[in-house]
Structures are given as structure tokens and as C-alpha cells.
């Protein structure tokens, strides 16, 4: 009998105690008698940033789809993070500046802003309260264990993170790698004789720099201010100012294509003035800096195609950044992990038997592809950014002009009349929040709505691009987003 049939699901091991690992443990707890979460870091205390999350200092936020997943996995989760100190979004002002103007975004009636540390701790507390989940800290996985013919993973070899001592074996019916972008899974699979496909890579040259502030109590500052970069003028600098816990605000400068923001205090303050809008610099004029700027860089984003392998061992799955790393500037990572964890839970409820793991990997790729496509497509606007491996993106220039016009129409209409933007254009927000597929935005209905508006340079550029295609426009649009569906 296959080890993943319900009667044989005795023990699961999760490698990694971050967001992806915690959410994996939550869904596995419904299907396995025991779930062990292995974390290479020491047990984190309240407010402590784990060493295994070097980017924890920087901005994090679940997208709307991710927050829905958290509420489904942990009923009452939002109320819990609010009690823990997250900032409530009710009646907040959220401003978004792009190359077409500035608009006030609608704040959700329920919602919160928080730091990575707070939301991760809130998830960890909920998972730790599950009776059949056990955490083992300061444990580094050094290799996978397999049966004699190496067709099934039977556990892991672990060693204390801070001491040289013999490795010990932890047996398991299922092992999930949720160890993040530092995953060693390709090396472990190679050691077992498996050949992995080439990675799909977006060479983005992403960097960001973050500094914390305290604003005066009387300051009339929007709870969120986003200032986008501007590819039309070649300005790669973007900025975000967001209130997180209490009276603490986080300011972030970002860059792309190897244009990294400054990390010294004077350079950071100067960088704020070089954005396409002075809004963030003006909001921080009387603020008290609480930290020095701190940087984080990601030269490449990687998507691993394990689902394409000729052979894949039973008893092994992978998700989160260990499977694919998307550009963090768009805030998709935690949400993608939540979507993938829910997919694993659904598969465990519906499937069993030979080929289970391969089917799950295929579903994880389909579920997370829209985030990869959207972030990579946006990055490819910039000189020096390259996409290699995997299937080439189709009609990249067309999509850039298409989304340019969507953004222009949305900004213009919302700036003059929020109600006038209509559900058609608001679907763009739903797409970037991973609530709907790109095909719900890239289609003939949306195109007709776009072209009915005022003639502008953005509209004319899209029309010229459409005329360059010989096929019917509906076919072109459908073919462009087919892989992102």
C-alpha cells in the first residue's frame, strides 16, 4: 500500500520553520498523526527576527488572496494579529503614485498592516497550539534518507546547527522542503542519483533598503504611500512608506536592473527625494529615525521545474521559495506559500497512491505561475533584466503596452471618481492581489473597454502593437495568458 494512503499517513517532516513551513504543518496536521517542523534557528522569542529570514527587517504583507487563506486556515486570524499590535486599516488612507498620477486606493473594511516578525509569530503560535505538531529547533538537515532503490524518501538526516556531532535520522512518511531560497534540495536529489531540469531564471538585479521611523502623533500621513518607479523615464527607484505596529513606520527604497538603493543614512534620505513623487520625503520631514538603513539584494529569481523530472521520489514535496522565488518588491511570496500549502491540503484530501507527488508538484506550479508571470513580466521592462530557461513568455511588448493602458485608465478614472473606475478596471487590482487570473484582465472585453477611452499616447502605442499581429486579437490575448491561467 502506498505510504500516502490515509491509513499509512503516520508522520510528516517539514524542513523549515518560516511562513511556508508553518502553513505546511497546519495542513499536514489534518492528514498525519504526527508533524515535525525542523528549524535550523533557535526558538524565536516575541519580536525576535529569525536568522533564517535575512529579509525579515524589510516590508512584508499578505496580498488579499493570502489573507483569505490565513482566515481559512486559522479562523479569526485577523483579529489575533490586531490584538498582537498590527495596525488596523479601517478608515485608513492608502495612496498610490505611478507615472500617470496619484490616486487614493480603497482601504479594505477589515485588514491590517504588520511586520514580518509579527505575522510569522502569530502563525507560529496558532500552529504550535495544534496537538500533533512538534517543533524541533537548531536542527540542520544534511541529507535525505531513501529506501534501497532510492524511489522513496523515508526521512532526513539532521545535525545540531551549532555543534559538530554525528547526524541522526528522523523517519517520515512524507518530507516537505520549505527551507526557502537557501534550499539544498537540488544537491540532495543529485546525491540520490536524480537529474534535475535546468532552472528557469529571471536575472532582475533587485535591491532594496529599509529604515524605520517614528512620526509625530499629529502627522497627517496616509497609512500607506506607494511611489512606483518609472520605466518611461528610466527612473528605477521606487518607494513605500507603511505604518506597521504601533507608531512605527517602515520606509523602503527599491531598485532593479542592478540599480541598488543607498544604504547610508544620508544617501537614503537623498534617495527619497529622487522618487517620481516627493510624498514620502515630505511625510518623513519631521520623523525620528529609529534605525539605520539596511539593504537586501536578490540578483536572480529562480523557478525550479521538478514536475518535469523523468523520475521523482515518493514521499517528497517542496513549496515556497524552495520551489520558486518571485521578485519580493511585489509582495507575493507569503501569499504564494499560502496558496501552495492549501493546494497540498486539497490534494491530500482528494488523492492517494502512485504518482501523487508528481501530481501535486504540477498543481503547485499551476497555482503559483500567475505570480511568477506577473512579476517577471514587470521586471522585463528594464534594461539588463533577462529571462532564461522554461517556456519563453509570449508577446512581452504587447503585455507591457496593454498593462500601461490599464494603469493609465485606472489611475485617471479613480483620480477623478473612484466609483467611475467600474468593475472592469478594478479587476486589475484583483489580479495583482492574486484573487483572479490574468485571463480575467487580459481579454477582449477589457480590451474594448480600454480602447473606448480617450486617445492618449498609451492607447496609441497599444493599438500600434496590436496591428503588428496577424492573428485575431482575441486569439493573441488568450494565447498570451494561457500559461498564466
Protein backbone atom coordinates (compact mmCIF):
# COMPACT_ATOMS: atom_id res chain seq x y z
CA UNK A 1 0.00 0.00 0.00
CA UNK A 2 1.32 3.45 -0.90
CA UNK A 3 2.58 5.43 2.07
CA UNK A 4 0.33 8.37 1.22
CA UNK A 5 -2.88 6.42 1.54
CA UNK A 6 -4.83 7.69 4.52
CA UNK A 7 -4.24 4.66 6.74
CA UNK A 8 -0.46 4.92 6.36
CA UNK A 9 -0.02 8.63 6.99
CA UNK A 10 1.71 8.37 10.32
CA UNK A 11 4.45 11.02 10.32
CA UNK A 12 5.40 14.03 8.21
CA UNK A 13 8.53 16.16 8.47
CA UNK A 14 8.68 19.79 7.36
CA UNK A 15 12.09 21.31 6.66
CA UNK A 16 11.96 24.99 7.60
CA UNK A 17 10.04 26.95 10.21
CA UNK A 18 9.22 30.04 8.13
CA UNK A 19 5.87 31.01 6.65
CA UNK A 20 5.85 28.19 4.07
CA UNK A 21 6.87 25.59 6.65
CA UNK A 22 4.34 26.75 9.23
CA UNK A 23 1.47 26.72 6.74
CA UNK A 24 2.58 23.29 5.51
CA UNK A 25 2.49 21.99 9.08
CA UNK A 26 -1.01 23.38 9.50
CA UNK A 27 -2.43 21.49 6.50
CA UNK A 28 -0.45 18.32 7.23
CA UNK A 29 -1.83 18.21 10.76
CA UNK A 30 -5.20 17.20 9.33
CA UNK A 31 -3.74 14.20 7.49
CA UNK A 32 -0.84 12.83 9.58
CA UNK A 33 -0.71 11.51 13.09
CA UNK A 34 2.46 13.49 13.82
CA UNK A 35 4.03 16.51 12.13
CA UNK A 36 7.60 17.55 12.97
CA UNK A 37 8.84 21.01 11.96
CA UNK A 38 12.63 21.26 11.75
CA UNK A 39 14.08 24.75 12.11
CA UNK A 40 17.78 25.50 11.89
CA UNK A 41 17.34 28.60 14.08
CA UNK A 42 16.85 28.78 17.82
CA UNK A 43 13.28 29.06 19.09
CA UNK A 44 12.31 32.69 18.42
CA UNK A 45 11.06 34.90 21.20
CA UNK A 46 8.50 37.65 20.82
CA UNK A 47 9.75 40.35 18.47
CA UNK A 48 12.86 38.36 17.51
CA UNK A 49 13.75 38.16 13.81
CA UNK A 50 14.93 34.69 12.89
CA UNK A 51 18.38 34.40 11.35
CA UNK A 52 16.94 32.17 8.66
CA UNK A 53 14.90 35.09 7.32
CA UNK A 54 17.51 37.74 6.40
CA UNK A 55 14.83 39.81 4.67
CA UNK A 56 12.61 39.94 7.80
CA UNK A 57 13.72 43.53 8.50
CA UNK A 58 12.06 44.66 5.29
CA UNK A 59 8.45 45.18 4.26
CA UNK A 60 6.12 42.19 4.16
CA UNK A 61 2.41 41.95 3.53
CA UNK A 62 -0.02 39.21 2.64
CA UNK A 63 -1.92 40.06 -0.53
CA UNK A 64 -5.73 39.80 -0.36
CA UNK A 65 -5.63 36.18 -1.57
CA UNK A 66 -3.12 35.32 1.15
CA UNK A 67 -5.17 36.94 3.88
CA UNK A 68 -8.18 34.93 2.75
CA UNK A 69 -6.06 31.78 3.04
CA UNK A 70 -4.95 32.68 6.56
CA UNK A 71 -8.53 33.19 7.66
CA UNK A 72 -9.49 29.83 6.18
CA UNK A 73 -6.58 28.03 7.83
CA UNK A 74 -6.81 29.92 11.12
CA UNK A 75 -10.32 31.28 11.72
CA UNK A 76 -10.13 34.64 13.49
CA UNK A 77 -6.53 35.20 12.40
CA UNK A 78 -7.02 38.88 11.56
CA UNK A 79 -8.46 39.62 14.97
CA UNK A 80 -5.47 37.85 16.51
CA UNK A 81 -2.84 39.93 14.71
CA UNK A 82 -4.73 43.09 15.58
CA UNK A 83 -4.64 42.12 19.24
CA UNK A 84 -0.90 41.46 18.85
CA UNK A 85 -0.32 45.05 17.72
CA UNK A 86 -0.87 45.14 13.97
CA UNK A 87 -2.23 48.42 12.65
CA UNK A 88 -5.93 48.30 11.63
CA UNK A 89 -6.74 49.54 8.13
CA UNK A 90 -10.30 50.63 8.85
CA UNK A 91 -10.75 54.24 7.69
CA UNK A 92 -7.12 54.40 6.52
CA UNK A 93 -5.86 56.45 3.59
CA UNK A 94 -3.78 54.47 1.08
CA UNK A 95 -2.06 56.50 -1.66
CA UNK A 96 -0.52 55.10 -4.81
CA UNK A 97 1.59 57.18 -7.19
CA UNK A 98 2.57 55.90 -10.61
CA UNK A 99 3.72 57.54 -13.82
CA UNK A 100 0.13 58.54 -14.65
CA UNK A 101 -0.75 60.26 -11.40
CA UNK A 102 -1.68 59.72 -7.76
CA UNK A 103 -4.83 58.05 -6.54
CA UNK A 104 -6.36 57.07 -3.24
CA UNK A 105 -6.78 53.33 -3.12
CA UNK A 106 -9.81 51.90 -1.33
CA UNK A 107 -8.87 50.56 2.09
CA UNK A 108 -10.47 47.22 2.94
CA UNK A 109 -13.12 47.41 5.67
CA UNK A 110 -11.15 44.74 7.50
CA UNK A 111 -7.41 44.40 7.26
CA UNK A 112 -4.13 45.14 8.96
CA UNK A 113 -0.54 46.15 8.34
CA UNK A 114 2.21 44.34 10.22
CA UNK A 115 5.86 43.38 10.18
CA UNK A 116 7.13 40.01 9.01
CA UNK A 117 8.06 39.15 12.59
CA UNK A 118 4.58 39.80 13.93
CA UNK A 119 2.64 37.88 11.30
CA UNK A 120 5.07 34.95 11.40
CA UNK A 121 4.87 34.75 15.19
CA UNK A 122 1.08 34.87 15.02
CA UNK A 123 1.08 31.95 12.59
CA UNK A 124 3.63 30.04 14.67
CA UNK A 125 1.56 30.45 17.83
CA UNK A 126 -1.51 29.04 16.08
CA UNK A 127 0.45 26.09 14.63
CA UNK A 128 2.18 25.37 17.95
CA UNK A 129 -1.24 25.04 19.58
CA UNK A 130 -2.09 22.09 17.29
CA UNK A 131 -1.73 18.93 19.34
CA UNK A 132 0.03 16.73 16.80
CA UNK A 133 2.57 19.33 15.60
CA UNK A 134 6.01 19.40 17.21
CA UNK A 135 8.83 21.92 16.66
CA UNK A 136 12.48 20.91 16.83
CA UNK A 137 14.82 23.91 16.77
CA UNK A 138 18.53 24.28 15.96
CA UNK A 139 18.41 21.32 13.61
CA UNK A 140 20.09 21.42 10.21
CA UNK A 141 19.05 18.86 7.60
CA UNK A 142 22.15 17.46 5.93
CA UNK A 143 20.61 14.90 3.57
CA UNK A 144 17.53 12.95 2.62
CA UNK A 145 17.10 9.30 3.54
CA UNK A 146 15.74 6.89 0.95
CA UNK A 147 14.84 3.23 0.55
CA UNK A 148 17.23 0.78 -1.08
CA UNK A 149 16.35 1.58 -4.69
CA UNK A 150 16.03 5.31 -3.92
CA UNK A 151 12.48 5.53 -5.21
CA UNK A 152 11.02 6.73 -1.91
CA UNK A 153 12.18 9.24 0.68
CA UNK A 154 11.98 7.71 4.15
CA UNK A 155 13.18 10.60 6.31
CA UNK A 156 16.03 13.05 6.85
CA UNK A 157 19.45 13.16 8.43
CA UNK A 158 19.83 16.08 10.86
CA UNK A 159 22.62 17.63 12.89
CA UNK A 160 22.59 20.36 15.54
CA UNK A 161 23.04 23.72 13.80
CA UNK A 162 25.75 24.95 16.14
CA UNK A 163 27.69 21.82 17.07
CA UNK A 164 29.82 19.25 15.27
CA UNK A 165 28.25 15.96 16.18
CA UNK A 166 27.06 12.82 14.39
CA UNK A 167 23.90 13.17 12.34
CA UNK A 168 20.75 11.44 13.49
CA UNK A 169 17.86 10.07 11.44
CA UNK A 170 14.26 11.22 11.64
CA UNK A 171 11.97 8.85 9.77
CA UNK A 172 8.88 10.10 7.95
CA UNK A 173 6.20 9.01 5.52
CA UNK A 174 6.34 12.44 3.85
CA UNK A 175 9.06 15.11 3.80
CA UNK A 176 8.28 18.66 2.66
CA UNK A 177 11.11 21.03 1.82
CA UNK A 178 10.06 24.53 2.88
CA UNK A 179 13.59 25.76 3.58
CA UNK A 180 13.41 28.83 1.35
CA UNK A 181 15.77 30.20 -1.25
CA UNK A 182 18.77 28.58 0.52
CA UNK A 183 17.32 25.12 -0.18
CA UNK A 184 19.76 22.25 -0.69
CA UNK A 185 17.19 20.07 -2.44
CA UNK A 186 18.98 20.08 -5.84
CA UNK A 187 22.15 18.77 -4.16
CA UNK A 188 20.24 16.20 -2.09
CA UNK A 189 18.46 14.88 -5.17
CA UNK A 190 21.74 14.71 -7.08
CA UNK A 191 23.32 12.70 -4.26
CA UNK A 192 20.49 10.19 -4.65
CA UNK A 193 21.13 9.89 -8.39
CA UNK A 194 18.36 12.13 -9.69
CA UNK A 195 18.90 14.59 -12.53
CA UNK A 196 17.09 17.90 -12.13
CA UNK A 197 15.98 20.08 -15.08
CA UNK A 198 17.63 23.45 -15.71
CA UNK A 199 16.20 26.25 -13.62
CA UNK A 200 14.05 28.99 -15.07
CA UNK A 201 15.72 32.28 -14.12
CA UNK A 202 14.87 35.96 -14.21
CA UNK A 203 18.04 37.98 -13.80
CA UNK A 204 16.50 41.07 -12.22
CA UNK A 205 19.23 42.66 -10.12
CA UNK A 206 16.74 43.59 -7.40
CA UNK A 207 17.73 45.52 -4.31
CA UNK A 208 16.00 47.41 -1.57
CA UNK A 209 16.91 49.38 1.51
CA UNK A 210 14.70 49.86 4.57
CA UNK A 211 14.68 52.25 7.51
CA UNK A 212 12.26 52.55 10.44
CA UNK A 213 10.85 55.84 11.72
CA UNK A 214 8.53 57.27 14.33
CA UNK A 215 6.26 60.05 13.11
CA UNK A 216 4.83 62.84 15.28
CA UNK A 217 1.44 61.96 16.71
CA UNK A 218 -0.18 64.89 14.91
CA UNK A 219 1.23 63.99 11.48
CA UNK A 220 -1.50 63.67 8.85
CA UNK A 221 0.18 60.99 6.78
CA UNK A 222 -1.53 58.25 4.75
CA UNK A 223 -1.17 54.81 6.33
CA UNK A 224 0.41 53.62 3.10
CA UNK A 225 2.21 55.56 0.39
CA UNK A 226 3.50 53.72 -2.65
CA UNK A 227 5.60 55.55 -5.22
CA UNK A 228 6.36 53.40 -8.26
CA UNK A 229 9.44 53.56 -10.44
CA UNK A 230 9.04 54.95 -13.95
CA UNK A 231 10.24 52.91 -16.90
CA UNK A 232 9.14 55.67 -19.30
CA UNK A 233 11.85 58.00 -17.95
CA UNK A 234 14.32 55.31 -16.87
CA UNK A 235 13.96 56.04 -13.16
CA UNK A 236 14.36 52.61 -11.45
CA UNK A 237 13.76 53.90 -7.91
CA UNK A 238 10.54 53.03 -6.11
CA UNK A 239 9.48 53.73 -2.56
CA UNK A 240 7.00 52.63 0.08
CA UNK A 241 6.07 54.16 3.43
CA UNK A 242 3.86 51.97 5.58
CA UNK A 243 2.70 52.06 9.16
CA UNK A 244 3.23 48.70 10.81
CA UNK A 245 2.98 48.20 14.58
CA UNK A 246 2.00 51.00 16.95
CA UNK A 247 3.66 54.26 15.94
CA UNK A 248 6.43 52.57 13.93
CA UNK A 249 6.67 53.27 10.20
CA UNK A 250 8.76 51.40 7.66
CA UNK A 251 10.21 53.21 4.66
CA UNK A 252 11.66 51.25 1.77
CA UNK A 253 13.61 52.27 -1.32
CA UNK A 254 13.89 49.75 -4.15
CA UNK A 255 15.80 49.41 -7.38
CA UNK A 256 16.01 46.99 -10.30
CA UNK A 257 18.37 46.05 -13.08
CA UNK A 258 21.39 46.38 -10.80
CA UNK A 259 20.41 49.88 -9.64
CA UNK A 260 20.63 49.35 -5.91
CA UNK A 261 19.38 51.99 -3.46
CA UNK A 262 21.80 53.61 -0.98
CA UNK A 263 22.41 52.06 2.42
CA UNK A 264 23.88 55.03 4.31
CA UNK A 265 21.56 57.42 6.16
CA UNK A 266 22.37 60.49 4.07
CA UNK A 267 22.07 58.58 0.82
CA UNK A 268 18.78 57.01 1.90
CA UNK A 269 17.27 60.41 2.70
CA UNK A 270 18.53 61.77 -0.61
CA UNK A 271 17.09 58.74 -2.41
CA UNK A 272 13.63 59.54 -1.08
CA UNK A 273 13.78 62.93 -2.81
CA UNK A 274 14.67 61.32 -6.15
CA UNK A 275 11.45 59.32 -6.46
CA UNK A 276 8.89 60.47 -9.04
CA UNK A 277 6.88 61.96 -6.17
CA UNK A 278 8.17 63.81 -3.06
CA UNK A 279 5.30 62.43 -0.94
CA UNK A 280 7.39 60.04 1.17
CA UNK A 281 10.22 62.52 1.73
CA UNK A 282 7.71 65.15 2.81
CA UNK A 283 5.92 62.73 5.15
CA UNK A 284 9.21 61.92 6.89
CA UNK A 285 10.43 65.52 7.17
CA UNK A 286 9.79 65.69 10.94
CA UNK A 287 10.11 61.97 11.64
CA UNK A 288 12.51 60.40 14.12
CA UNK A 289 14.74 57.71 12.55
CA UNK A 290 14.71 54.58 14.69
CA UNK A 291 17.26 52.53 12.74
CA UNK A 292 19.99 52.88 10.17
CA UNK A 293 19.05 51.79 6.64
CA UNK A 294 19.56 48.12 5.95
CA UNK A 295 19.81 46.55 2.49
CA UNK A 296 18.85 43.28 0.84
CA UNK A 297 19.70 42.15 -2.67
CA UNK A 298 18.45 39.37 -4.91
CA UNK A 299 20.46 39.08 -8.13
CA UNK A 300 18.16 36.45 -9.66
CA UNK A 301 14.70 34.96 -9.19
CA UNK A 302 14.54 31.20 -9.74
CA UNK A 303 11.76 28.76 -10.62
CA UNK A 304 12.62 25.07 -10.34
CA UNK A 305 10.82 22.61 -12.59
CA UNK A 306 10.83 19.42 -10.56
CA UNK A 307 7.50 18.48 -12.12
CA UNK A 308 9.36 17.87 -15.40
CA UNK A 309 11.69 15.21 -13.97
CA UNK A 310 11.53 11.76 -15.53
CA UNK A 311 11.60 10.29 -12.03
CA UNK A 312 10.60 11.82 -8.72
CA UNK A 313 10.84 10.02 -5.38
CA UNK A 314 7.69 9.22 -3.48
CA UNK A 315 7.33 10.80 -0.06
CA UNK A 316 8.83 14.18 -1.05
CA UNK A 317 7.29 17.58 -1.81
CA UNK A 318 8.60 21.14 -1.99
CA UNK A 319 6.96 24.57 -1.85
CA UNK A 320 7.55 28.25 -1.21
CA UNK A 321 10.87 29.87 -2.08
CA UNK A 322 12.47 26.41 -2.25
CA UNK A 323 10.34 25.88 -5.37
CA UNK A 324 10.32 29.39 -6.83
CA UNK A 325 11.44 32.84 -5.73
CA UNK A 326 9.44 35.74 -7.11
CA UNK A 327 10.54 39.38 -7.08
CA UNK A 328 9.83 40.42 -3.45
CA UNK A 329 9.09 44.02 -4.46
CA UNK A 330 5.58 42.94 -5.45
CA UNK A 331 4.85 41.32 -2.08
CA UNK A 332 3.74 37.96 -3.49
CA UNK A 333 5.98 35.49 -1.66
CA UNK A 334 3.98 34.82 1.52
CA UNK A 335 0.74 34.66 -0.44
CA UNK A 336 2.18 32.16 -2.91
CA UNK A 337 3.29 29.98 0.01
CA UNK A 338 -0.23 30.10 1.45
CA UNK A 339 -1.79 29.18 -1.90
CA UNK A 340 0.62 26.26 -2.30
CA UNK A 341 0.01 24.98 1.24
CA UNK A 342 -3.72 24.99 0.64
CA UNK A 343 -3.18 23.10 -2.62
CA UNK A 344 -1.22 20.42 -0.77
CA UNK A 345 -4.05 20.10 1.74
CA UNK A 346 -6.61 19.74 -1.04
CA UNK A 347 -4.52 17.10 -2.80
CA UNK A 348 -4.11 15.11 0.41
CA UNK A 349 -7.88 15.12 0.80
CA UNK A 350 -8.57 14.04 -2.77
CA UNK A 351 -5.63 11.93 -3.96
CA UNK A 352 -3.57 8.93 -2.94
CA UNK A 353 -1.43 6.25 -4.50
CA UNK A 354 1.39 6.15 -7.06
CA UNK A 355 2.19 9.42 -8.81
CA UNK A 356 0.68 11.50 -6.02
CA UNK A 357 3.75 13.68 -5.52
CA UNK A 358 4.22 14.44 -9.21
CA UNK A 359 0.59 15.47 -9.50
CA UNK A 360 0.96 17.76 -6.50
CA UNK A 361 4.08 19.40 -7.98
CA UNK A 362 2.20 20.06 -11.21
CA UNK A 363 -0.67 21.65 -9.31
CA UNK A 364 1.69 23.79 -7.25
CA UNK A 365 3.29 25.12 -10.43
CA UNK A 366 -0.07 25.94 -11.98
CA UNK A 367 -1.29 27.65 -8.82
CA UNK A 368 1.81 29.81 -8.41
CA UNK A 369 2.54 30.60 -12.05
CA UNK A 370 0.43 33.80 -12.26
CA UNK A 371 2.59 35.43 -9.56
CA UNK A 372 5.78 34.38 -11.38
CA UNK A 373 4.45 35.64 -14.72
CA UNK A 374 3.23 38.98 -13.38
CA UNK A 375 6.42 39.83 -11.51
CA UNK A 376 8.76 38.64 -14.25
CA UNK A 377 6.78 40.50 -16.91
CA UNK A 378 7.07 43.74 -14.96
CA UNK A 379 10.80 43.23 -14.33
CA UNK A 380 11.41 42.68 -18.04
CA UNK A 381 10.64 46.33 -18.71
CA UNK A 382 14.14 47.23 -17.53
CA UNK A 383 17.46 47.08 -19.42
CA UNK A 384 19.66 44.26 -18.24
CA UNK A 385 16.82 42.07 -16.97
CA UNK A 386 16.82 38.68 -18.70
CA UNK A 387 14.57 35.61 -18.66
CA UNK A 388 16.20 32.25 -19.41
CA UNK A 389 15.07 28.64 -19.13
CA UNK A 390 11.49 27.49 -19.02
CA UNK A 391 8.97 28.40 -21.71
CA UNK A 392 9.54 31.86 -23.18
CA UNK A 393 6.95 34.48 -22.28
CA UNK A 394 4.75 35.36 -25.23
CA UNK A 395 4.07 38.86 -26.53
CA UNK A 396 6.02 40.66 -23.83
CA UNK A 397 5.93 44.03 -25.61
CA UNK A 398 2.18 43.69 -26.14
CA UNK A 399 1.59 42.95 -22.45
CA UNK A 400 3.69 45.93 -21.39
CA UNK A 401 1.61 48.28 -23.54
CA UNK A 402 -1.63 46.58 -22.51
CA UNK A 403 -0.93 47.00 -18.80
CA UNK A 404 0.32 50.54 -19.41
CA UNK A 405 -3.09 51.46 -20.74
CA UNK A 406 -4.91 49.60 -17.96
CA UNK A 407 -2.85 51.51 -15.41
CA UNK A 408 -3.45 54.83 -17.14
CA UNK A 409 -7.22 54.31 -17.44
CA UNK A 410 -7.49 53.10 -13.86
CA UNK A 411 -5.45 55.98 -12.46
CA UNK A 412 -7.27 58.63 -14.45
CA UNK A 413 -10.74 57.36 -13.59
CA UNK A 414 -10.04 56.71 -9.91
CA UNK A 415 -8.34 60.07 -9.52
CA UNK A 416 -11.46 61.85 -10.77
CA UNK A 417 -14.14 59.49 -9.49
CA UNK A 418 -13.43 56.28 -7.58
CA UNK A 419 -16.86 54.87 -8.42
CA UNK A 420 -16.27 55.57 -12.09
CA UNK A 421 -13.46 53.06 -12.38
CA UNK A 422 -16.03 50.27 -12.59
CA UNK A 423 -15.60 46.54 -12.03
CA UNK A 424 -13.82 46.03 -15.33
CA UNK A 425 -10.83 48.14 -14.41
CA UNK A 426 -10.93 47.17 -10.73
CA UNK A 427 -10.23 43.59 -11.83
CA UNK A 428 -6.63 44.79 -12.31
CA UNK A 429 -6.32 45.18 -8.52
CA UNK A 430 -7.87 41.76 -8.06
CA UNK A 431 -5.28 40.26 -10.41
CA UNK A 432 -2.31 41.88 -8.67
CA UNK A 433 -3.79 40.66 -5.37
CA UNK A 434 -3.82 37.13 -6.89
CA UNK A 435 -7.60 36.94 -6.48
CA UNK A 436 -8.30 36.44 -10.19
CA UNK A 437 -6.28 35.03 -13.06
CA UNK A 438 -4.53 37.21 -15.66
CA UNK A 439 -7.05 35.93 -18.19
CA UNK A 440 -9.74 37.84 -16.27
CA UNK A 441 -7.91 41.08 -17.14
CA UNK A 442 -6.29 40.24 -20.47
CA UNK A 443 -9.25 39.53 -22.74
CA UNK A 444 -11.39 41.04 -25.47
CA UNK A 445 -13.90 42.57 -23.05
CA UNK A 446 -11.22 44.51 -21.21
CA UNK A 447 -9.52 45.50 -24.46
CA UNK A 448 -12.74 47.01 -25.80
CA UNK A 449 -13.17 49.00 -22.57
CA UNK A 450 -9.59 50.24 -22.83
CA UNK A 451 -9.88 51.35 -26.44
CA UNK A 452 -13.18 53.18 -25.88
CA UNK A 453 -11.48 55.78 -23.73
CA UNK A 454 -9.68 58.98 -24.62
CA UNK A 455 -6.93 58.75 -27.21
CA UNK A 456 -3.61 59.01 -25.40
CA UNK A 457 -0.02 58.03 -26.21
CA UNK A 458 -0.52 54.84 -24.17
CA UNK A 459 -3.61 53.95 -26.18
CA UNK A 460 -1.92 54.68 -29.49
CA UNK A 461 1.09 52.56 -28.51
CA UNK A 462 -1.17 49.60 -27.73
CA UNK A 463 -3.11 49.98 -30.99
CA UNK A 464 0.14 50.03 -32.97
CA UNK A 465 1.34 46.89 -31.20
CA UNK A 466 -1.93 45.09 -31.85
CA UNK A 467 -1.71 45.88 -35.57
CA UNK A 468 1.64 44.08 -35.71
CA UNK A 469 -0.09 40.74 -35.02
CA UNK A 470 -1.59 38.75 -37.88
CA UNK A 471 -3.84 36.50 -35.77
CA UNK A 472 -7.18 37.60 -34.37
CA UNK A 473 -6.77 39.81 -31.33
CA UNK A 474 -8.85 37.50 -29.11
CA UNK A 475 -6.58 34.59 -30.07
CA UNK A 476 -3.45 36.62 -29.35
CA UNK A 477 -4.69 37.68 -25.94
CA UNK A 478 -5.84 34.19 -24.97
CA UNK A 479 -2.57 32.65 -26.14
CA UNK A 480 -0.53 35.23 -24.22
CA UNK A 481 -2.03 34.40 -20.83
CA UNK A 482 -2.70 30.71 -21.39
CA UNK A 483 0.26 29.60 -19.27
CA UNK A 484 -0.71 32.07 -16.53
CA UNK A 485 -4.27 30.77 -16.19
